[in-house]
Amino acid sequence: MKHYLISILTAYFSIINLAAQKPTDSISITIEGANYKALEKHFAEKERERKKNTDWAKFYRYEKANESVPQSTKVVFMGNSITDSWAKQRPEFFEANNLVGRGIGGQTSSEMLVRFQSDVINLTPRMVVILAGTNDIARNNGIISHDHILGNIKSMCELAKYHKIKPVLCSVLPAYQFGWYKDLQPAEDIKRLNAMFKDYALKNKIPYVDYYSALADEKGGLPEKFAEDGVHPTAEAYEIMEKIILELINKNLK
């Protein structure tokens, strides 16, 4: 116990001293033996408690909004932060074309599949535009293989078809690096996943939207004019995407 208290006090005064110095990326604290195990158990229990009280798929996000969606809704956009920001930043595009945005920042294809019933099927649209994969490759929910990402996409498309909703599958947007996980190198993984998406779409007669080719730079990323952080589109990028998807929607929903 004495060693444990000394370690904590040492760390505390080290932090106080560091506050007046140049900021550092990390602080090392050594806790040994039984004290470490006790601390580890404490945080594991905290995490279990947090998960127990968390709406993992974030059904709450659109529950209220879904109650007032017009029955005339033509298309639902299902996705992550790219779709979420699209609907927030450019609401006039969605309103003018009878579209509904159902994107949630940070979500993977697994989370989208879980809420597909409530945020797509229950809204009875004629079409669903699926834009997913970025956060799977970024490992937001841990490691997932390309095959399992595609499996989630397939499930969403098959559910849509069963409910007479036309699925549209979009390419993952290019990204050379993720600001929140800089050690990952996603460019090649995104290319491979897009090839799998395109192959599946063509074989199953599902419209495929190639945003990637219209936006990618020579490194397989998004240039700054299209994404200041390398991931989330600027207004200029959204304008390009809107032209591509609107042409496809008008062609397939005559």
Protein backbone atom coordinates (compact mmCIF):
# COMPACT_ATOMS: atom_id res chain seq x y z
CA MET A 1 0.00 0.00 0.00
CA LYS A 2 2.85 2.36 0.88
CA HIS A 3 4.51 1.82 -2.53
CA TYR A 4 1.16 2.45 -4.23
CA LEU A 5 0.59 5.76 -2.39
CA ILE A 6 4.11 6.97 -3.12
CA SER A 7 3.63 6.19 -6.83
CA ILE A 8 0.37 8.10 -6.98
CA LEU A 9 1.76 11.10 -5.06
CA THR A 10 4.84 11.16 -7.27
CA ALA A 11 2.65 11.08 -10.36
CA TYR A 12 0.46 13.87 -8.94
CA PHE A 13 3.36 16.25 -8.30
CA SER A 14 4.88 15.32 -11.68
CA ILE A 15 1.65 16.40 -13.38
CA ILE A 16 1.63 19.69 -11.44
CA ASN A 17 5.20 20.39 -12.55
CA LEU A 18 4.46 19.45 -16.15
CA ALA A 19 1.54 21.88 -16.28
CA ALA A 20 4.01 24.76 -16.20
CA GLN A 21 6.25 23.20 -18.83
CA LYS A 22 5.89 22.31 -22.49
CA PRO A 23 2.88 19.98 -23.06
CA THR A 24 3.71 16.31 -23.53
CA ASP A 25 1.85 13.57 -25.40
CA SER A 26 1.94 11.06 -22.55
CA ILE A 27 2.67 10.57 -18.86
CA SER A 28 4.01 7.28 -17.50
CA ILE A 29 2.81 6.01 -14.11
CA THR A 30 4.12 2.75 -12.68
CA ILE A 31 1.81 0.70 -10.44
CA GLU A 32 2.97 -2.79 -9.57
CA GLY A 33 1.60 -6.10 -8.33
CA ALA A 34 -1.73 -6.41 -6.58
CA ASN A 35 -2.35 -2.67 -6.76
CA TYR A 36 -2.22 -2.78 -10.56
CA LYS A 37 -4.65 -5.71 -10.67
CA ALA A 38 -7.03 -3.91 -8.31
CA LEU A 39 -6.95 -0.80 -10.49
CA GLU A 40 -7.45 -2.86 -13.63
CA LYS A 41 -10.46 -4.60 -12.06
CA HIS A 42 -11.90 -1.24 -11.00
CA PHE A 43 -11.78 0.20 -14.53
CA ALA A 44 -13.09 -3.05 -16.07
CA GLU A 45 -16.13 -2.86 -13.78
CA LYS A 46 -16.60 0.81 -14.70
CA GLU A 47 -16.54 -0.09 -18.40
CA ARG A 48 -19.06 -2.91 -17.91
CA GLU A 49 -21.35 -0.50 -16.06
CA ARG A 50 -20.99 2.08 -18.84
CA LYS A 51 -21.85 -0.46 -21.54
CA LYS A 52 -24.82 -1.74 -19.56
CA ASN A 53 -26.32 1.75 -19.63
CA THR A 54 -25.39 2.64 -23.21
CA ASP A 55 -27.60 2.56 -26.32
CA TRP A 56 -24.84 0.97 -28.40
CA ALA A 57 -26.42 1.48 -31.82
CA LYS A 58 -27.76 4.94 -30.88
CA PHE A 59 -31.37 4.19 -31.68
CA TYR A 60 -32.23 7.29 -29.65
CA ARG A 61 -30.68 9.60 -32.22
CA TYR A 62 -33.59 9.49 -34.70
CA GLU A 63 -36.43 8.00 -32.64
CA LYS A 64 -38.32 11.29 -32.37
CA ALA A 65 -37.52 12.40 -35.91
CA ASN A 66 -38.72 9.07 -37.34
CA GLU A 67 -42.18 9.65 -35.90
CA SER A 68 -42.72 12.65 -38.15
CA VAL A 69 -41.12 11.49 -41.42
CA PRO A 70 -43.60 12.06 -44.29
CA GLN A 71 -44.93 8.93 -45.97
CA SER A 72 -43.93 10.47 -49.27
CA THR A 73 -40.22 10.19 -48.37
CA LYS A 74 -38.43 9.03 -51.46
CA VAL A 75 -34.89 8.16 -50.33
CA VAL A 76 -33.11 7.52 -47.02
CA PHE A 77 -29.36 8.09 -46.78
CA MET A 78 -27.88 5.61 -44.29
CA GLY A 79 -24.34 6.26 -43.10
CA ASN A 80 -21.81 7.62 -40.64
CA SER A 81 -20.51 11.17 -40.00
CA ILE A 82 -20.10 11.83 -43.72
CA THR A 83 -23.85 11.37 -44.21
CA ASP A 84 -24.64 13.02 -40.87
CA SER A 85 -22.70 16.19 -41.77
CA TRP A 86 -24.15 16.16 -45.28
CA ALA A 87 -27.72 16.46 -43.99
CA LYS A 88 -26.73 19.08 -41.38
CA GLN A 89 -24.58 21.28 -43.63
CA ARG A 90 -26.72 21.08 -46.76
CA PRO A 91 -30.34 20.62 -45.63
CA GLU A 92 -31.61 22.40 -48.74
CA PHE A 93 -30.34 19.53 -50.91
CA PHE A 94 -32.24 16.98 -48.82
CA GLU A 95 -35.42 19.03 -48.56
CA ALA A 96 -35.56 19.94 -52.25
CA ASN A 97 -35.19 16.31 -53.34
CA ASN A 98 -37.38 14.62 -50.70
CA LEU A 99 -34.43 12.88 -49.03
CA VAL A 100 -33.91 11.90 -45.39
CA GLY A 101 -30.50 11.69 -43.74
CA ARG A 102 -29.86 8.94 -41.21
CA GLY A 103 -26.14 9.21 -40.60
CA ILE A 104 -24.50 8.91 -37.18
CA GLY A 105 -20.93 10.02 -36.60
CA GLY A 106 -18.41 7.30 -35.80
CA GLN A 107 -20.64 4.39 -36.72
CA THR A 108 -19.50 1.18 -38.35
CA SER A 109 -21.49 -1.04 -40.72
CA SER A 110 -22.39 -3.29 -37.76
CA GLU A 111 -24.16 -0.45 -35.96
CA MET A 112 -25.91 0.64 -39.15
CA LEU A 113 -27.17 -2.89 -39.73
CA VAL A 114 -28.60 -3.04 -36.20
CA ARG A 115 -30.60 0.17 -36.69
CA PHE A 116 -31.55 -0.53 -40.32
CA GLN A 117 -35.07 -1.60 -39.33
CA SER A 118 -35.89 1.54 -37.34
CA ASP A 119 -34.03 4.11 -39.44
CA VAL A 120 -34.75 2.78 -42.93
CA ILE A 121 -37.34 0.02 -43.27
CA ASN A 122 -39.88 1.59 -40.92
CA LEU A 123 -39.75 4.81 -42.95
CA THR A 124 -40.92 2.93 -46.09
CA PRO A 125 -38.77 4.83 -48.62
CA ARG A 126 -38.50 3.80 -52.24
CA MET A 127 -34.68 3.76 -52.05
CA VAL A 128 -31.86 3.61 -49.50
CA VAL A 129 -28.39 5.00 -50.24
CA ILE A 130 -25.81 3.14 -48.13
CA LEU A 131 -22.47 4.84 -47.45
CA ALA A 132 -20.45 2.78 -44.97
CA GLY A 133 -17.01 1.33 -44.33
CA THR A 134 -14.76 4.21 -43.29
CA ASN A 135 -15.13 3.54 -39.57
CA ASP A 136 -14.82 -0.21 -40.02
CA ILE A 137 -11.42 0.30 -41.61
CA ALA A 138 -10.61 2.82 -38.87
CA ARG A 139 -11.36 0.08 -36.29
CA ASN A 140 -13.82 2.22 -34.37
CA ASN A 141 -15.32 -0.96 -32.91
CA GLY A 142 -12.17 -3.05 -33.17
CA ILE A 143 -10.79 -5.21 -35.95
CA ILE A 144 -13.20 -6.43 -38.64
CA SER A 145 -12.25 -8.17 -41.87
CA HIS A 146 -13.20 -6.89 -45.31
CA ASP A 147 -15.37 -9.99 -45.76
CA HIS A 148 -17.36 -9.23 -42.62
CA ILE A 149 -17.77 -5.57 -43.61
CA LEU A 150 -19.15 -6.76 -46.93
CA GLY A 151 -21.36 -9.21 -45.03
CA ASN A 152 -22.98 -6.32 -43.16
CA ILE A 153 -23.50 -4.46 -46.42
CA LYS A 154 -25.05 -7.54 -48.02
CA SER A 155 -27.46 -7.91 -45.10
CA MET A 156 -28.60 -4.29 -45.43
CA CYS A 157 -29.11 -4.67 -49.17
CA GLU A 158 -31.01 -7.94 -48.78
CA LEU A 159 -33.24 -6.47 -46.07
CA ALA A 160 -33.98 -3.51 -48.31
CA LYS A 161 -34.87 -5.72 -51.26
CA TYR A 162 -37.13 -7.90 -49.11
CA HIS A 163 -39.06 -4.80 -48.09
CA LYS A 164 -39.26 -3.54 -51.66
CA ILE A 165 -36.76 -0.74 -51.07
CA LYS A 166 -34.19 -0.26 -53.80
CA PRO A 167 -30.66 -0.39 -52.32
CA VAL A 168 -27.87 1.81 -53.66
CA LEU A 169 -24.32 1.00 -52.59
CA CYS A 170 -21.71 3.76 -52.41
CA SER A 171 -17.95 3.53 -52.53
CA VAL A 172 -16.06 4.38 -49.37
CA LEU A 173 -14.59 7.86 -49.68
CA PRO A 174 -10.80 8.02 -50.05
CA ALA A 175 -8.66 8.57 -46.95
CA TYR A 176 -4.89 8.53 -46.64
CA GLN A 177 -4.87 8.86 -42.84
CA PHE A 178 -7.35 9.02 -39.96
CA GLY A 179 -6.75 11.89 -37.57
CA TRP A 180 -8.01 9.83 -34.63
CA TYR A 181 -5.83 6.75 -35.49
CA LYS A 182 -2.75 8.07 -37.21
CA ASP A 183 -0.88 4.77 -37.08
CA LEU A 184 -3.29 3.20 -39.58
CA GLN A 185 -2.69 3.41 -43.35
CA PRO A 186 -6.17 3.04 -44.83
CA ALA A 187 -5.69 3.97 -48.49
CA GLU A 188 -5.11 0.45 -49.84
CA ASP A 189 -7.72 -1.10 -47.54
CA ILE A 190 -10.29 1.35 -48.88
CA LYS A 191 -9.38 0.53 -52.49
CA ARG A 192 -9.76 -3.20 -51.82
CA LEU A 193 -13.06 -2.77 -50.01
CA ASN A 194 -14.44 -0.62 -52.83
CA ALA A 195 -13.49 -3.30 -55.35
CA MET A 196 -15.45 -5.83 -53.28
CA PHE A 197 -18.44 -3.48 -52.99
CA LYS A 198 -18.46 -2.83 -56.73
CA ASP A 199 -18.19 -6.53 -57.59
CA TYR A 200 -21.06 -7.41 -55.26
CA ALA A 201 -23.22 -4.58 -56.60
CA LEU A 202 -22.66 -5.49 -60.24
CA LYS A 203 -23.34 -9.19 -59.66
CA ASN A 204 -26.57 -8.41 -57.82
CA LYS A 205 -27.81 -5.60 -60.06
CA ILE A 206 -27.51 -2.99 -57.32
CA PRO A 207 -26.66 0.57 -58.43
CA TYR A 208 -23.09 1.43 -57.41
CA VAL A 209 -22.05 5.03 -56.74
CA ASP A 210 -18.37 5.75 -57.35
CA TYR A 211 -17.61 8.81 -55.23
CA TYR A 212 -14.04 7.56 -54.82
CA SER A 213 -12.87 8.16 -58.39
CA ALA A 214 -14.32 11.68 -58.41
CA LEU A 215 -12.57 12.73 -55.19
CA ALA A 216 -9.32 10.77 -54.69
CA ASP A 217 -5.88 12.30 -55.11
CA GLU A 218 -2.68 10.53 -56.23
CA LYS A 219 -2.10 9.13 -52.70
CA GLY A 220 -5.55 7.60 -52.43
CA GLY A 221 -6.71 10.32 -50.04
CA LEU A 222 -8.93 13.38 -50.08
CA PRO A 223 -7.11 16.60 -51.05
CA GLU A 224 -7.51 19.52 -48.64
CA LYS A 225 -10.04 21.29 -50.88
CA PHE A 226 -12.32 18.25 -50.51
CA ALA A 227 -11.63 17.51 -46.82
CA GLU A 228 -9.69 19.76 -44.46
CA ASP A 229 -9.08 16.86 -42.07
CA GLY A 230 -8.59 14.29 -44.82
CA VAL A 231 -11.86 12.46 -44.07
CA HIS A 232 -14.93 14.70 -43.80
CA PRO A 233 -16.05 16.39 -47.03
CA THR A 234 -16.10 20.12 -47.60
CA ALA A 235 -19.00 21.89 -49.32
CA GLU A 236 -17.14 21.56 -52.63
CA ALA A 237 -16.87 17.79 -52.20
CA TYR A 238 -20.54 17.49 -51.24
CA GLU A 239 -21.52 19.41 -54.37
CA ILE A 240 -19.71 16.81 -56.49
CA MET A 241 -21.31 13.96 -54.55
CA GLU A 242 -24.76 15.53 -54.89
CA LYS A 243 -24.49 15.74 -58.65
CA ILE A 244 -23.46 12.07 -58.86
CA ILE A 245 -26.14 10.69 -56.53
CA LEU A 246 -28.97 12.88 -57.81
CA GLU A 247 -28.38 11.69 -61.36
CA LEU A 248 -28.55 8.08 -60.17
CA ILE A 249 -31.69 8.67 -58.08
CA ASN A 250 -33.52 10.34 -60.96
CA LYS A 251 -32.49 7.53 -63.32
CA ASN A 252 -33.64 4.73 -61.00
CA LEU A 253 -36.81 6.27 -59.57
CA LYS A 254 -38.68 7.35 -62.64
